[in-house]
Amino acid sequence: MSKQTQHAGMLTSANAARLVLATAGLAAMAWAFVVFSVAASESTISEVGNALLRGEVFKSEVLASLDAHINPDTSSGFRSALLHQVVMIRLSRAEEATHSNDPMIIDQGLKSLSRILDQTLNNAPDDPFTWLVKFWCDGRRDGLRAGNFAYLRMSYELGPYESWISATRNPQALTAFPALPSDLADRVVSEFAGFVKWRLDSEAAAIAAGPGRPIRSILFSRLAELDYGQRRAFANTVYRMELDDVPVPGIAPPTPQIPMPVLPPNF
């Protein structure tokens, strides 16, 4: 073998070795980029989802951009623990869509939410909040029906005493109160009384002034079972809102103050 041939062989081997190393390096960089991107997007989804759960508001453009990392069906690769945050993002987008006048946008938003709800419940069927969102989403898509009430019932059975869920569930259930089966209607009324029992008077008063306003006589009647002090605290709050046409049991509304006439000087 000539020296030229030997040198050619050495160069070829060296180039091959460098190519292998370069390829391995690029593969490692690509793997690291993918892992970092996934980690970064999951971290952002988690932070935004938790913020939405706390009641914070984001611009629609922010949620749409974040949802682009989830669509279409990329959520199947997320950890089960992250699906709850994805639900919050799509719930916010679906709620925003329902405020539009475009049936196509509304349908797309609800379908997108419905898909992630089904996936989440397959992974975590014991999550009462997800069942509540399922009740809302299904009701908006198909109207109230027997199967829809089963979702609300699951939410109550799995999370009957979680106040942060009740704060959303009770107003939502009250909007459907006339159509609820008797067992669910009773749970809704008991849940409202629970707000008063645990001195969440502002929350209870807001419900009484909002979705519970048409049935205050039913809601307030359950308060007769509570202690006087609990009823007194709630009455003080609700009467200040001038909702005294339906009295709290055992607590009379304040007597209206009749203003004295203004007399002319030196009268």
Protein backbone atom coordinates (compact mmCIF):
# COMPACT_ATOMS: atom_id res chain seq x y z
CA MET A 1 0.00 0.00 0.00
CA SER A 2 1.43 3.42 -0.99
CA LYS A 3 1.82 6.27 1.48
CA GLN A 4 -0.77 8.24 -0.46
CA THR A 5 -3.23 5.42 -0.07
CA GLN A 6 -2.39 5.15 3.62
CA HIS A 7 -2.85 8.89 4.06
CA ALA A 8 -6.14 8.78 2.16
CA GLY A 9 -7.35 5.99 4.38
CA MET A 10 -6.34 7.86 7.53
CA LEU A 11 -8.11 11.02 6.36
CA THR A 12 -11.22 9.07 5.49
CA SER A 13 -11.23 7.42 8.91
CA ALA A 14 -10.61 10.73 10.63
CA ASN A 15 -13.37 12.42 8.68
CA ALA A 16 -15.69 9.52 9.44
CA ALA A 17 -14.86 9.76 13.11
CA ARG A 18 -15.42 13.51 13.08
CA LEU A 19 -18.73 12.97 11.26
CA VAL A 20 -19.87 10.45 13.84
CA LEU A 21 -18.92 12.78 16.67
CA ALA A 22 -20.57 15.74 14.96
CA THR A 23 -23.72 13.74 14.32
CA ALA A 24 -23.78 12.55 17.91
CA GLY A 25 -23.26 16.13 19.08
CA LEU A 26 -26.08 17.43 16.92
CA ALA A 27 -28.33 14.63 18.11
CA ALA A 28 -27.51 15.48 21.71
CA MET A 29 -28.19 19.16 21.07
CA ALA A 30 -31.47 18.34 19.34
CA TRP A 31 -32.50 16.06 22.21
CA ALA A 32 -31.58 18.74 24.74
CA PHE A 33 -33.54 21.36 22.76
CA VAL A 34 -36.62 19.16 22.61
CA VAL A 35 -36.44 18.32 26.31
CA PHE A 36 -35.88 21.99 27.19
CA SER A 37 -38.75 23.11 24.95
CA VAL A 38 -41.12 20.53 26.45
CA ALA A 39 -40.01 21.41 29.97
CA ALA A 40 -40.38 25.11 29.26
CA SER A 41 -43.83 24.74 27.73
CA GLU A 42 -45.00 22.44 30.52
CA SER A 43 -43.71 24.90 33.10
CA THR A 44 -45.54 27.77 31.41
CA ILE A 45 -48.74 25.75 31.06
CA SER A 46 -48.55 24.83 34.73
CA GLU A 47 -47.97 28.42 35.84
CA VAL A 48 -50.73 29.88 33.67
CA GLY A 49 -53.18 27.10 34.55
CA ASN A 50 -52.63 27.62 38.27
CA ALA A 51 -52.94 31.38 37.86
CA LEU A 52 -56.26 30.95 36.07
CA LEU A 53 -57.42 28.73 38.90
CA ARG A 54 -56.63 31.57 41.32
CA GLY A 55 -58.82 33.89 39.28
CA GLU A 56 -56.14 35.77 37.37
CA VAL A 57 -56.97 36.98 33.87
CA PHE A 58 -54.83 36.68 30.74
CA LYS A 59 -55.21 38.28 27.34
CA SER A 60 -56.80 36.01 24.75
CA GLU A 61 -53.66 36.26 22.61
CA VAL A 62 -51.55 34.81 25.42
CA LEU A 63 -53.88 31.85 25.94
CA ALA A 64 -54.16 31.25 22.20
CA SER A 65 -50.37 31.20 21.84
CA LEU A 66 -50.03 28.80 24.73
CA ASP A 67 -52.84 26.61 23.43
CA ALA A 68 -50.93 26.30 20.15
CA HIS A 69 -48.41 24.15 22.05
CA ILE A 70 -51.26 21.87 23.06
CA ASN A 71 -53.12 21.57 19.75
CA PRO A 72 -53.83 19.32 18.05
CA ASP A 73 -53.94 16.58 20.65
CA THR A 74 -50.34 17.09 21.73
CA SER A 75 -51.73 16.99 25.24
CA SER A 76 -51.58 13.20 24.97
CA GLY A 77 -47.87 13.52 25.69
CA PHE A 78 -48.31 15.57 28.85
CA ARG A 79 -47.98 14.19 32.33
CA SER A 80 -51.29 13.38 33.99
CA ALA A 81 -50.58 15.99 36.66
CA LEU A 82 -50.46 18.69 33.98
CA LEU A 83 -53.79 17.88 32.36
CA HIS A 84 -55.68 19.84 35.02
CA GLN A 85 -53.81 23.01 34.03
CA VAL A 86 -54.55 22.32 30.35
CA VAL A 87 -58.23 22.06 31.29
CA MET A 88 -58.05 25.52 32.89
CA ILE A 89 -56.51 27.05 29.76
CA ARG A 90 -59.08 25.52 27.43
CA LEU A 91 -61.91 26.33 29.83
CA SER A 92 -60.91 29.99 29.76
CA ARG A 93 -60.76 29.93 25.97
CA ALA A 94 -64.13 28.17 25.74
CA GLU A 95 -65.74 30.68 28.10
CA GLU A 96 -64.36 33.50 25.99
CA ALA A 97 -65.68 31.81 22.84
CA THR A 98 -69.20 31.59 24.30
CA HIS A 99 -69.23 35.39 24.58
CA SER A 100 -68.81 35.71 20.82
CA ASN A 101 -71.67 35.67 18.34
CA ASP A 102 -69.97 33.14 16.07
CA PRO A 103 -71.45 29.61 16.41
CA MET A 104 -68.37 28.10 14.75
CA ILE A 105 -65.98 29.68 17.24
CA ILE A 106 -68.20 28.59 20.13
CA ASP A 107 -68.38 25.03 18.82
CA GLN A 108 -64.63 24.82 18.28
CA GLY A 109 -63.90 26.08 21.78
CA LEU A 110 -66.30 23.63 23.42
CA LYS A 111 -65.06 20.70 21.34
CA SER A 112 -61.46 21.47 22.22
CA LEU A 113 -62.36 21.63 25.91
CA SER A 114 -64.43 18.44 25.68
CA ARG A 115 -61.49 16.47 24.26
CA ILE A 116 -59.13 17.43 27.06
CA LEU A 117 -61.85 16.79 29.67
CA ASP A 118 -62.35 13.23 28.44
CA GLN A 119 -58.61 12.62 28.48
CA THR A 120 -58.23 14.09 31.94
CA LEU A 121 -61.09 12.04 33.38
CA ASN A 122 -59.60 8.90 31.86
CA ASN A 123 -56.42 9.64 33.80
CA ALA A 124 -58.01 11.11 36.93
CA PRO A 125 -61.64 10.01 37.27
CA ASP A 126 -61.72 11.13 40.92
CA ASP A 127 -61.27 14.86 40.21
CA PRO A 128 -64.45 16.71 41.28
CA PHE A 129 -63.50 19.95 39.55
CA THR A 130 -63.07 18.28 36.16
CA TRP A 131 -66.50 16.67 36.52
CA LEU A 132 -67.94 20.12 37.22
CA VAL A 133 -66.32 21.54 34.08
CA LYS A 134 -67.68 18.53 32.18
CA PHE A 135 -71.17 19.43 33.45
CA TRP A 136 -70.76 23.01 32.21
CA CYS A 137 -69.25 22.08 28.84
CA ASP A 138 -71.74 19.33 28.06
CA GLY A 139 -74.63 21.58 29.05
CA ARG A 140 -73.44 24.34 26.74
CA ARG A 141 -73.03 21.91 23.84
CA ASP A 142 -76.10 19.70 24.19
CA GLY A 143 -78.33 21.36 26.78
CA LEU A 144 -79.40 20.03 30.16
CA ARG A 145 -80.29 16.32 30.12
CA ALA A 146 -80.17 13.28 32.40
CA GLY A 147 -76.61 12.35 31.42
CA ASN A 148 -75.46 15.88 32.08
CA PHE A 149 -76.77 15.80 35.66
CA ALA A 150 -74.64 12.71 36.28
CA TYR A 151 -71.50 14.86 35.86
CA LEU A 152 -72.69 17.34 38.48
CA ARG A 153 -73.58 14.48 40.81
CA MET A 154 -70.06 13.05 40.45
CA SER A 155 -68.59 16.43 41.37
CA TYR A 156 -70.64 16.51 44.57
CA GLU A 157 -69.85 12.92 45.49
CA LEU A 158 -66.10 13.30 44.98
CA GLY A 159 -65.66 16.81 46.43
CA PRO A 160 -68.59 17.75 48.67
CA TYR A 161 -66.67 20.01 51.07
CA GLU A 162 -63.98 21.69 48.98
CA SER A 163 -64.83 25.38 49.26
CA TRP A 164 -62.86 26.50 46.20
CA ILE A 165 -64.89 24.08 44.06
CA SER A 166 -68.14 24.99 45.79
CA ALA A 167 -67.56 28.67 45.02
CA THR A 168 -67.85 27.80 41.32
CA ARG A 169 -70.18 24.83 41.55
CA ASN A 170 -72.98 26.40 43.58
CA PRO A 171 -73.61 29.36 41.26
CA GLN A 172 -73.34 27.09 38.23
CA ALA A 173 -75.77 24.55 39.66
CA LEU A 174 -78.21 27.28 40.66
CA THR A 175 -78.52 28.39 37.03
CA ALA A 176 -79.95 24.94 36.33
CA PHE A 177 -81.88 24.63 39.60
CA PRO A 178 -85.43 24.36 38.16
CA ALA A 179 -84.36 21.34 36.08
CA LEU A 180 -82.31 19.53 38.73
CA PRO A 181 -83.43 16.17 40.14
CA SER A 182 -84.58 16.44 43.76
CA ASP A 183 -81.41 14.90 45.23
CA LEU A 184 -79.17 17.36 43.41
CA ALA A 185 -81.41 20.31 44.23
CA ASP A 186 -81.14 19.41 47.91
CA ARG A 187 -77.34 19.23 47.70
CA VAL A 188 -77.22 22.66 46.07
CA VAL A 189 -79.31 24.20 48.86
CA SER A 190 -77.22 22.46 51.53
CA GLU A 191 -74.05 23.68 49.86
CA PHE A 192 -75.32 27.26 49.99
CA ALA A 193 -76.10 26.88 53.69
CA GLY A 194 -72.54 25.63 54.14
CA PHE A 195 -71.19 28.99 53.00
CA VAL A 196 -73.13 30.68 55.79
CA LYS A 197 -72.21 28.02 58.34
CA TRP A 198 -68.49 28.51 57.72
CA ARG A 199 -68.83 32.32 57.74
CA LEU A 200 -68.21 32.76 54.02
CA ASP A 201 -70.84 35.48 54.14
CA SER A 202 -69.58 37.57 51.22
CA GLU A 203 -69.60 34.55 48.94
CA ALA A 204 -73.08 33.52 50.10
CA ALA A 205 -74.42 37.05 49.66
CA ALA A 206 -72.99 37.28 46.14
CA ILE A 207 -74.72 34.01 45.25
CA ALA A 208 -77.99 35.21 46.79
CA ALA A 209 -77.78 38.42 44.78
CA GLY A 210 -76.85 36.58 41.57
CA PRO A 211 -77.98 33.14 40.39
CA GLY A 212 -79.72 32.38 43.68
CA ARG A 213 -81.88 35.49 43.65
CA PRO A 214 -85.03 33.84 42.17
CA ILE A 215 -85.02 31.09 44.80
CA ARG A 216 -83.84 32.97 47.89
CA SER A 217 -86.86 31.78 49.83
CA ILE A 218 -85.71 28.18 49.28
CA LEU A 219 -82.07 28.91 50.02
CA PHE A 220 -82.76 30.99 53.13
CA SER A 221 -85.19 28.46 54.58
CA ARG A 222 -82.29 26.02 55.04
CA LEU A 223 -80.49 28.61 57.16
CA ALA A 224 -83.03 28.07 59.96
CA GLU A 225 -80.96 25.01 60.92
CA LEU A 226 -77.90 27.16 61.68
CA ASP A 227 -76.89 28.94 64.86
CA TYR A 228 -78.19 32.44 65.49
CA GLY A 229 -74.71 33.91 65.28
CA GLN A 230 -74.13 32.39 61.87
CA ARG A 231 -77.47 33.69 60.59
CA ARG A 232 -76.88 37.10 62.16
CA ALA A 233 -73.51 37.56 60.42
CA PHE A 234 -74.98 36.60 57.05
CA ALA A 235 -78.03 38.82 57.56
CA ASN A 236 -75.81 41.81 58.29
CA THR A 237 -74.03 41.24 54.98
CA VAL A 238 -77.06 40.54 52.82
CA TYR A 239 -79.22 43.32 54.29
CA ARG A 240 -76.49 45.85 53.56
CA MET A 241 -76.96 44.86 49.91
CA GLU A 242 -80.63 45.83 50.21
CA LEU A 243 -81.75 42.24 49.69
CA ASP A 244 -84.18 42.36 52.58
CA ASP A 245 -87.41 41.52 50.78
CA VAL A 246 -86.71 37.86 51.68
CA PRO A 247 -85.64 37.84 55.33
CA VAL A 248 -83.05 35.55 56.86
CA PRO A 249 -84.89 33.19 59.28
CA GLY A 250 -85.16 34.73 62.72
CA ILE A 251 -83.42 37.99 61.72
CA ALA A 252 -85.78 40.81 60.86
CA PRO A 253 -84.60 43.29 58.25
CA PRO A 254 -83.62 46.70 59.63
CA THR A 255 -86.40 49.25 59.92
CA PRO A 256 -86.22 51.72 57.06
CA GLN A 257 -84.98 55.11 58.20
CA ILE A 258 -87.43 57.83 57.23
CA PRO A 259 -85.52 61.04 56.62
CA MET A 260 -86.74 64.08 58.49
CA PRO A 261 -88.03 66.90 56.32
CA VAL A 262 -85.68 69.76 55.78
CA LEU A 263 -87.23 72.88 57.28
CA PRO A 264 -86.53 76.37 56.00
CA PRO A 265 -84.30 78.58 58.15
CA ASN A 266 -85.95 80.27 61.12
CA PHE A 267 -89.05 78.14 60.78
